[in-house]
């Protein structure tokens, strides 16, 4: 089992920045792929970014490339999502998730943190 707890969401003006954190605990070695997803009101959840605990394997959705950066701190078992140049369409609940390398479906999910970007 892996437990994930997100933090860092809030209200920010368009053009501003936020940094989300995802603290992981439990059998994190079994789920080395860490991802961020988001869900806007009335829309399906969508992939935002992913990273491996080893530091490689970073990948971003086209909509956030050049604006968001995913990183990790292994000593703190924490994954971050630095979000810059925020837009109103970035508004939503952001979720942290993890999975094994050999499994395409994310297995463990956090409770989510709300990000609201005012235009």
Protein backbone atom coordinates (compact mmCIF):
# COMPACT_ATOMS: atom_id res chain seq x y z
CA UNK A 1 0.00 0.00 0.00
CA UNK A 2 1.08 3.55 -0.72
CA UNK A 3 -0.38 6.64 0.91
CA UNK A 4 -0.29 9.98 -0.89
CA UNK A 5 -1.10 13.38 0.57
CA UNK A 6 -1.22 16.51 -1.58
CA UNK A 7 -0.83 20.07 -0.37
CA UNK A 8 -0.11 23.53 -1.73
CA UNK A 9 -3.27 24.32 -3.63
CA UNK A 10 -5.02 27.66 -3.40
CA UNK A 11 -6.29 30.73 -5.20
CA UNK A 12 -3.92 32.59 -7.52
CA UNK A 13 -4.26 35.22 -10.22
CA UNK A 14 -3.61 34.38 -13.83
CA UNK A 15 0.11 34.61 -14.55
CA UNK A 16 0.99 33.62 -11.02
CA UNK A 17 2.68 30.52 -9.61
CA UNK A 18 1.95 27.72 -7.17
CA UNK A 19 3.93 24.71 -6.01
CA UNK A 20 2.07 21.54 -5.16
CA UNK A 21 3.57 18.85 -2.94
CA UNK A 22 2.78 15.15 -2.70
CA UNK A 23 4.09 13.34 0.35
CA UNK A 24 4.33 9.58 -0.13
CA UNK A 25 4.54 6.87 2.50
CA UNK A 26 4.26 3.11 2.67
CA UNK A 27 5.65 0.76 0.04
CA UNK A 28 6.77 3.51 -2.31
CA UNK A 29 9.44 1.29 -3.86
CA UNK A 30 6.65 -0.83 -5.35
CA UNK A 31 5.18 2.17 -7.19
CA UNK A 32 8.10 4.15 -8.61
CA UNK A 33 6.13 6.08 -11.22
CA UNK A 34 4.65 9.27 -9.74
CA UNK A 35 2.11 11.33 -11.62
CA UNK A 36 0.02 14.46 -11.32
CA UNK A 37 -3.49 14.62 -12.72
CA UNK A 38 -6.18 17.28 -12.62
CA UNK A 39 -9.93 17.46 -12.98
CA UNK A 40 -11.78 20.62 -13.92
CA UNK A 41 -15.47 21.04 -13.07
CA UNK A 42 -17.62 19.03 -15.45
CA UNK A 43 -14.61 17.50 -17.19
CA UNK A 44 -12.80 14.19 -17.08
CA UNK A 45 -9.62 13.80 -15.11
CA UNK A 46 -6.55 14.40 -17.26
CA UNK A 47 -2.87 13.62 -17.05
CA UNK A 48 -0.53 16.51 -16.24
CA UNK A 49 2.97 15.15 -15.62
CA UNK A 50 4.93 12.14 -14.41
CA UNK A 51 8.35 11.30 -13.00
CA UNK A 52 10.19 8.30 -11.65
CA UNK A 53 11.58 8.28 -8.12
CA UNK A 54 14.96 7.76 -9.81
CA UNK A 55 14.52 11.20 -11.38
CA UNK A 56 14.15 10.13 -14.98
CA UNK A 57 11.09 9.45 -17.03
CA UNK A 58 9.66 12.96 -16.88
CA UNK A 59 6.77 13.53 -19.22
CA UNK A 60 4.26 16.38 -19.56
CA UNK A 61 0.92 17.01 -21.14
CA UNK A 62 1.22 19.41 -24.08
CA UNK A 63 -1.01 21.90 -22.29
CA UNK A 64 1.52 22.43 -19.49
CA UNK A 65 4.87 22.00 -21.26
CA UNK A 66 7.17 24.92 -20.59
CA UNK A 67 5.05 26.14 -17.67
CA UNK A 68 4.97 23.24 -15.19
CA UNK A 69 7.91 21.31 -13.76
CA UNK A 70 7.70 18.03 -11.90
CA UNK A 71 10.48 17.09 -9.49
CA UNK A 72 11.09 14.85 -6.51
CA UNK A 73 13.02 14.81 -3.25
CA UNK A 74 13.79 11.21 -2.38
CA UNK A 75 15.01 12.10 1.12
CA UNK A 76 11.59 13.57 1.88
CA UNK A 77 9.60 11.05 -0.18
CA UNK A 78 7.94 14.03 -1.80
CA UNK A 79 7.08 14.89 -5.38
CA UNK A 80 6.48 18.49 -6.42
CA UNK A 81 4.67 20.23 -9.24
CA UNK A 82 5.89 23.77 -9.83
CA UNK A 83 3.26 25.63 -11.80
CA UNK A 84 4.18 28.94 -13.45
CA UNK A 85 2.32 31.28 -15.81
CA UNK A 86 -0.95 29.87 -14.58
CA UNK A 87 -4.05 30.26 -16.70
CA UNK A 88 -7.74 30.14 -15.84
CA UNK A 89 -7.96 26.80 -17.65
CA UNK A 90 -5.50 25.31 -15.14
CA UNK A 91 -8.23 25.50 -12.51
CA UNK A 92 -9.23 22.17 -11.03
CA UNK A 93 -8.55 19.59 -8.38
CA UNK A 94 -5.01 18.26 -8.67
CA UNK A 95 -4.30 14.69 -7.71
CA UNK A 96 -1.07 12.86 -7.04
CA UNK A 97 -0.91 9.21 -8.05
CA UNK A 98 1.56 6.36 -8.25
CA UNK A 99 1.93 3.09 -10.09
CA UNK A 100 4.33 0.28 -10.79
CA UNK A 101 6.44 0.54 -13.94
CA UNK A 102 4.88 -2.57 -15.44
CA UNK A 103 1.32 -1.39 -14.92
CA UNK A 104 -0.21 1.35 -17.06
CA UNK A 105 -3.03 2.15 -14.65
CA UNK A 106 -2.25 4.34 -11.68
CA UNK A 107 -2.97 2.34 -8.54
CA UNK A 108 -2.76 4.77 -5.65
CA UNK A 109 -4.29 8.22 -5.41
CA UNK A 110 -4.24 11.14 -3.02
CA UNK A 111 -7.31 13.05 -1.92
CA UNK A 112 -6.60 16.02 -4.19
CA UNK A 113 -5.90 19.71 -3.68
CA UNK A 114 -7.90 22.55 -5.22
CA UNK A 115 -6.20 25.04 -7.54
CA UNK A 116 -8.20 28.05 -8.63
CA UNK A 117 -6.78 30.56 -11.12
CA UNK A 118 -8.68 33.81 -11.40
CA UNK A 119 -8.60 35.68 -14.68
